[in-house]
Amino acid sequence: MDRNALENFLTNPYNIISVIQYINNEFPKIYYDLNVANVKKYCPAISDTKLNSYNLSNDAYSYYLNGHCFSYTTILMSIFDNIPIRYNNNEHAMVKINDWLFDVRGLIFDDTAHESLDSDLYMMSVSFEINDDFEKKIEQNLIAIGKNYLNNLVNKSVKKKTLNKNL
């Protein structure tokens, strides 16, 4: 993806929010599928009928606002090609793109947030991140889906601008 096109795309906070909403909508299926795969791997005696009676689902908001916010910043930083800057307020991790702060909820306002220093990054990774294979698989899936979606949006935006110039 063209870096200039991406940076231009990110000048509109609604574009960023649309990517966040898209990956949030994809989260429940990814979470459920990974949970089912784990149960089948580690508890093969559980039948599909019994498995369906368990609540193995979750939503992005509940998941990332309860101990996984650092992971969400990793996802956003990867999707947006490391343009975001990681921020925190000592209780929550978020990213800053241009003059706006974002987390799983989209555009947020936090007067106490500050840029994360290297020492903060270590503390956040220890405090906020539950770093295991399950978490990494969710991250990998959401990053791939998010990058693909972002690429499509940026390409449409570039084509639209090119078309408008030619008119």
C-alpha atoms as a PDB file:
ATOM      1  CA  MET A   1       0.000   0.000   0.000  1.00  0.00           C
ATOM      2  CA  ASP A   2       1.248   3.474  -0.884  1.00  0.00           C
ATOM      3  CA  ARG A   3       2.362   5.228   2.325  1.00  0.00           C
ATOM      4  CA  ASN A   4       1.212   8.661   1.116  1.00  0.00           C
ATOM      5  CA  ALA A   5      -2.220   7.308   0.222  1.00  0.00           C
ATOM      6  CA  LEU A   6      -2.475   5.701   3.665  1.00  0.00           C
ATOM      7  CA  GLU A   7      -1.422   8.879   5.464  1.00  0.00           C
ATOM      8  CA  ASN A   8      -3.936  10.884   3.437  1.00  0.00           C
ATOM      9  CA  PHE A   9      -6.646   8.333   4.246  1.00  0.00           C
ATOM     10  CA  LEU A  10      -5.878   8.658   7.961  1.00  0.00           C
ATOM     11  CA  THR A  11      -6.534  12.421   7.964  1.00  0.00           C
ATOM     12  CA  ASN A  12     -10.233  11.618   8.373  1.00  0.00           C
ATOM     13  CA  PRO A  13     -11.094  10.049  11.763  1.00  0.00           C
ATOM     14  CA  TYR A  14     -14.214   8.436  10.279  1.00  0.00           C
ATOM     15  CA  ASN A  15     -11.980   6.324   8.033  1.00  0.00           C
ATOM     16  CA  ILE A  16     -10.121   5.037  11.088  1.00  0.00           C
ATOM     17  CA  ILE A  17     -13.378   4.378  12.930  1.00  0.00           C
ATOM     18  CA  SER A  18     -14.707   2.364   9.974  1.00  0.00           C
ATOM     19  CA  VAL A  19     -11.701   0.025  10.179  1.00  0.00           C
ATOM     20  CA  ILE A  20     -12.104  -0.319  13.965  1.00  0.00           C
ATOM     21  CA  GLN A  21     -15.805  -1.122  13.576  1.00  0.00           C
ATOM     22  CA  TYR A  22     -15.045  -3.669  10.869  1.00  0.00           C
ATOM     23  CA  ILE A  23     -12.514  -5.623  12.923  1.00  0.00           C
ATOM     24  CA  ASN A  24     -14.762  -5.389  15.988  1.00  0.00           C
ATOM     25  CA  ASN A  25     -17.583  -6.951  13.978  1.00  0.00           C
ATOM     26  CA  GLU A  26     -15.258  -9.781  12.898  1.00  0.00           C
ATOM     27  CA  PHE A  27     -14.008 -10.441  16.434  1.00  0.00           C
ATOM     28  CA  PRO A  28     -16.880 -12.642  17.773  1.00  0.00           C
ATOM     29  CA  LYS A  29     -16.527 -15.215  14.989  1.00  0.00           C
ATOM     30  CA  ILE A  30     -12.747 -15.394  15.375  1.00  0.00           C
ATOM     31  CA  TYR A  31     -13.015 -15.709  19.153  1.00  0.00           C
ATOM     32  CA  TYR A  32     -15.708 -18.399  18.916  1.00  0.00           C
ATOM     33  CA  ASP A  33     -13.872 -20.437  16.255  1.00  0.00           C
ATOM     34  CA  LEU A  34     -10.628 -20.385  18.245  1.00  0.00           C
ATOM     35  CA  ASN A  35     -12.458 -21.411  21.424  1.00  0.00           C
ATOM     36  CA  VAL A  36     -14.210 -24.292  19.675  1.00  0.00           C
ATOM     37  CA  ALA A  37     -10.900 -25.438  18.172  1.00  0.00           C
ATOM     38  CA  ASN A  38      -9.276 -25.386  21.636  1.00  0.00           C
ATOM     39  CA  VAL A  39     -12.120 -27.318  23.251  1.00  0.00           C
ATOM     40  CA  LYS A  40     -12.048 -29.936  20.502  1.00  0.00           C
ATOM     41  CA  LYS A  41      -8.266 -30.212  20.787  1.00  0.00           C
ATOM     42  CA  TYR A  42      -8.056 -30.469  24.575  1.00  0.00           C
ATOM     43  CA  CYS A  43     -11.444 -32.030  25.370  1.00  0.00           C
ATOM     44  CA  PRO A  44     -12.210 -34.318  22.418  1.00  0.00           C
ATOM     45  CA  ALA A  45     -14.812 -36.241  24.414  1.00  0.00           C
ATOM     46  CA  ILE A  46     -17.191 -33.261  24.430  1.00  0.00           C
ATOM     47  CA  SER A  47     -19.807 -33.756  21.741  1.00  0.00           C
ATOM     48  CA  ASP A  48     -20.792 -31.004  19.304  1.00  0.00           C
ATOM     49  CA  THR A  49     -24.241 -30.944  20.912  1.00  0.00           C
ATOM     50  CA  LYS A  50     -22.735 -30.399  24.352  1.00  0.00           C
ATOM     51  CA  LEU A  51     -20.271 -27.888  22.929  1.00  0.00           C
ATOM     52  CA  ASN A  52     -23.127 -25.811  21.496  1.00  0.00           C
ATOM     53  CA  SER A  53     -24.639 -25.501  24.984  1.00  0.00           C
ATOM     54  CA  TYR A  54     -21.598 -23.583  26.252  1.00  0.00           C
ATOM     55  CA  ASN A  55     -21.200 -19.855  25.788  1.00  0.00           C
ATOM     56  CA  LEU A  56     -17.872 -19.727  23.980  1.00  0.00           C
ATOM     57  CA  SER A  57     -18.411 -16.316  22.433  1.00  0.00           C
ATOM     58  CA  ASN A  58     -17.334 -12.820  23.384  1.00  0.00           C
ATOM     59  CA  ASP A  59     -17.543  -9.336  21.920  1.00  0.00           C
ATOM     60  CA  ALA A  60     -14.615  -7.051  21.146  1.00  0.00           C
ATOM     61  CA  TYR A  61     -15.648  -4.397  23.677  1.00  0.00           C
ATOM     62  CA  SER A  62     -15.865  -6.789  26.622  1.00  0.00           C
ATOM     63  CA  TYR A  63     -12.643  -8.517  25.658  1.00  0.00           C
ATOM     64  CA  TYR A  64     -10.451  -5.486  24.960  1.00  0.00           C
ATOM     65  CA  LEU A  65     -11.764  -3.280  27.755  1.00  0.00           C
ATOM     66  CA  ASN A  66     -11.076  -5.987  30.344  1.00  0.00           C
ATOM     67  CA  GLY A  67      -7.359  -6.657  30.291  1.00  0.00           C
ATOM     68  CA  HIS A  68      -6.482  -6.901  26.610  1.00  0.00           C
ATOM     69  CA  CYS A  69      -6.213  -3.228  25.591  1.00  0.00           C
ATOM     70  CA  PHE A  70      -2.462  -3.451  24.947  1.00  0.00           C
ATOM     71  CA  SER A  71      -3.137  -6.233  22.461  1.00  0.00           C
ATOM     72  CA  TYR A  72      -5.683  -4.019  20.692  1.00  0.00           C
ATOM     73  CA  THR A  73      -3.076  -1.275  20.302  1.00  0.00           C
ATOM     74  CA  THR A  74      -0.746  -3.852  18.752  1.00  0.00           C
ATOM     75  CA  ILE A  75      -3.482  -4.759  16.272  1.00  0.00           C
ATOM     76  CA  LEU A  76      -4.147  -1.128  15.336  1.00  0.00           C
ATOM     77  CA  MET A  77      -0.454  -0.340  15.003  1.00  0.00           C
ATOM     78  CA  SER A  78       0.030  -3.306  12.668  1.00  0.00           C
ATOM     79  CA  ILE A  79      -3.027  -2.551  10.553  1.00  0.00           C
ATOM     80  CA  PHE A  80      -2.086   1.117  10.167  1.00  0.00           C
ATOM     81  CA  ASP A  81       1.557   0.375   9.300  1.00  0.00           C
ATOM     82  CA  ASN A  82       3.030   1.664  12.587  1.00  0.00           C
ATOM     83  CA  ILE A  83       1.732   5.192  11.981  1.00  0.00           C
ATOM     84  CA  PRO A  84      -0.141   5.228  15.320  1.00  0.00           C
ATOM     85  CA  ILE A  85       1.711   6.162  18.485  1.00  0.00           C
ATOM     86  CA  ARG A  86       0.937   4.108  21.562  1.00  0.00           C
ATOM     87  CA  TYR A  87      -0.549   6.147  24.418  1.00  0.00           C
ATOM     88  CA  ASN A  88      -1.721   5.242  27.904  1.00  0.00           C
ATOM     89  CA  ASN A  89      -3.259   6.781  30.997  1.00  0.00           C
ATOM     90  CA  ASN A  90      -1.735   4.258  33.448  1.00  0.00           C
ATOM     91  CA  GLU A  91      -4.979   2.236  33.369  1.00  0.00           C
ATOM     92  CA  HIS A  92      -5.694   1.831  29.682  1.00  0.00           C
ATOM     93  CA  ALA A  93      -3.700   1.595  26.444  1.00  0.00           C
ATOM     94  CA  MET A  94      -4.782   3.366  23.251  1.00  0.00           C
ATOM     95  CA  VAL A  95      -3.237   4.730  20.053  1.00  0.00           C
ATOM     96  CA  LYS A  96      -2.922   8.242  18.724  1.00  0.00           C
ATOM     97  CA  ILE A  97      -3.280   8.900  15.013  1.00  0.00           C
ATOM     98  CA  ASN A  98      -2.820  12.544  14.047  1.00  0.00           C
ATOM     99  CA  ASP A  99      -4.512  14.424  16.904  1.00  0.00           C
ATOM    100  CA  TRP A 100      -7.032  11.723  17.836  1.00  0.00           C
ATOM    101  CA  LEU A 101      -7.000   8.876  20.345  1.00  0.00           C
ATOM    102  CA  PHE A 102      -8.540   5.509  19.461  1.00  0.00           C
ATOM    103  CA  ASP A 103      -9.263   2.242  21.203  1.00  0.00           C
ATOM    104  CA  VAL A 104     -11.786  -0.553  20.697  1.00  0.00           C
ATOM    105  CA  ARG A 105     -14.618   1.957  21.157  1.00  0.00           C
ATOM    106  CA  GLY A 106     -13.371   4.119  18.294  1.00  0.00           C
ATOM    107  CA  LEU A 107     -12.555   7.800  18.790  1.00  0.00           C
ATOM    108  CA  ILE A 108     -12.086   8.578  22.483  1.00  0.00           C
ATOM    109  CA  PHE A 109     -11.254  11.620  24.578  1.00  0.00           C
ATOM    110  CA  ASP A 110      -8.839  11.289  27.473  1.00  0.00           C
ATOM    111  CA  ASP A 111      -7.101  14.320  28.961  1.00  0.00           C
ATOM    112  CA  THR A 112      -4.867  12.108  31.102  1.00  0.00           C
ATOM    113  CA  ALA A 113      -3.363  10.099  28.237  1.00  0.00           C
ATOM    114  CA  HIS A 114       0.308  10.524  27.433  1.00  0.00           C
ATOM    115  CA  GLU A 115       2.722   9.070  24.938  1.00  0.00           C
ATOM    116  CA  SER A 116       4.121   5.777  26.082  1.00  0.00           C
ATOM    117  CA  LEU A 117       7.822   5.757  26.866  1.00  0.00           C
ATOM    118  CA  ASP A 118       9.919   2.635  26.415  1.00  0.00           C
ATOM    119  CA  SER A 119       9.609   1.933  30.138  1.00  0.00           C
ATOM    120  CA  ASP A 120       5.823   2.363  29.845  1.00  0.00           C
ATOM    121  CA  LEU A 121       5.714  -0.178  27.011  1.00  0.00           C
ATOM    122  CA  TYR A 122       7.276  -2.831  29.211  1.00  0.00           C
ATOM    123  CA  MET A 123       4.953  -2.042  32.107  1.00  0.00           C
ATOM    124  CA  MET A 124       1.907  -1.989  29.814  1.00  0.00           C
ATOM    125  CA  SER A 125       2.825  -5.285  28.233  1.00  0.00           C
ATOM    126  CA  VAL A 126       3.149  -6.829  31.692  1.00  0.00           C
ATOM    127  CA  SER A 127       0.106  -5.103  33.194  1.00  0.00           C
ATOM    128  CA  PHE A 128      -2.371  -5.032  30.318  1.00  0.00           C
ATOM    129  CA  GLU A 129      -1.501  -7.904  28.038  1.00  0.00           C
ATOM    130  CA  ILE A 130      -2.370 -11.507  28.521  1.00  0.00           C
ATOM    131  CA  ASN A 131       0.229 -12.860  26.149  1.00  0.00           C
ATOM    132  CA  ASP A 132      -0.579 -16.407  25.108  1.00  0.00           C
ATOM    133  CA  ASP A 133      -1.169 -18.387  21.933  1.00  0.00           C
ATOM    134  CA  PHE A 134      -4.892 -17.659  22.003  1.00  0.00           C
ATOM    135  CA  GLU A 135      -4.256 -13.894  22.184  1.00  0.00           C
ATOM    136  CA  LYS A 136      -1.666 -14.063  19.395  1.00  0.00           C
ATOM    137  CA  LYS A 137      -4.023 -16.015  17.118  1.00  0.00           C
ATOM    138  CA  ILE A 138      -6.745 -13.422  17.631  1.00  0.00           C
ATOM    139  CA  GLU A 139      -4.235 -10.650  16.879  1.00  0.00           C
ATOM    140  CA  GLN A 140      -2.992 -12.377  13.718  1.00  0.00           C
ATOM    141  CA  ASN A 141      -6.524 -12.912  12.425  1.00  0.00           C
ATOM    142  CA  LEU A 142      -7.675  -9.359  13.141  1.00  0.00           C
ATOM    143  CA  ILE A 143      -4.503  -7.847  11.676  1.00  0.00           C
ATOM    144  CA  ALA A 144      -4.910  -9.813   8.435  1.00  0.00           C
ATOM    145  CA  ILE A 145      -8.607  -8.940   8.163  1.00  0.00           C
ATOM    146  CA  GLY A 146      -7.983  -5.308   9.090  1.00  0.00           C
ATOM    147  CA  LYS A 147      -5.105  -4.847   6.637  1.00  0.00           C
ATOM    148  CA  ASN A 148      -7.154  -6.330   3.823  1.00  0.00           C
ATOM    149  CA  TYR A 149     -10.133  -4.106   4.635  1.00  0.00           C
ATOM    150  CA  LEU A 150      -7.930  -1.008   4.974  1.00  0.00           C
ATOM    151  CA  ASN A 151      -6.180  -1.766   1.687  1.00  0.00           C
ATOM    152  CA  ASN A 152      -9.538  -1.990  -0.082  1.00  0.00           C
ATOM    153  CA  LEU A 153     -10.715   1.305   1.457  1.00  0.00           C
ATOM    154  CA  VAL A 154      -7.504   3.145   0.580  1.00  0.00           C
ATOM    155  CA  ASN A 155      -7.560   1.806  -2.991  1.00  0.00           C
ATOM    156  CA  LYS A 156     -11.185   2.942  -3.410  1.00  0.00           C
ATOM    157  CA  SER A 157     -10.266   6.343  -2.025  1.00  0.00           C
ATOM    158  CA  VAL A 158      -7.323   6.704  -4.441  1.00  0.00           C
ATOM    159  CA  LYS A 159      -9.450   5.600  -7.412  1.00  0.00           C
ATOM    160  CA  LYS A 160     -12.177   8.053  -6.451  1.00  0.00           C
ATOM    161  CA  LYS A 161      -9.692  10.944  -6.219  1.00  0.00           C
ATOM    162  CA  THR A 162      -8.122   9.983  -9.527  1.00  0.00           C
ATOM    163  CA  LEU A 163     -11.534   9.811 -11.165  1.00  0.00           C
ATOM    164  CA  ASN A 164     -12.500  13.214  -9.740  1.00  0.00           C
ATOM    165  CA  LYS A 165      -9.247  14.766 -11.052  1.00  0.00           C
ATOM    166  CA  ASN A 166      -9.965  13.431 -14.531  1.00  0.00           C
ATOM    167  CA  LEU A 167     -13.464  14.955 -14.642  1.00  0.00           C
END
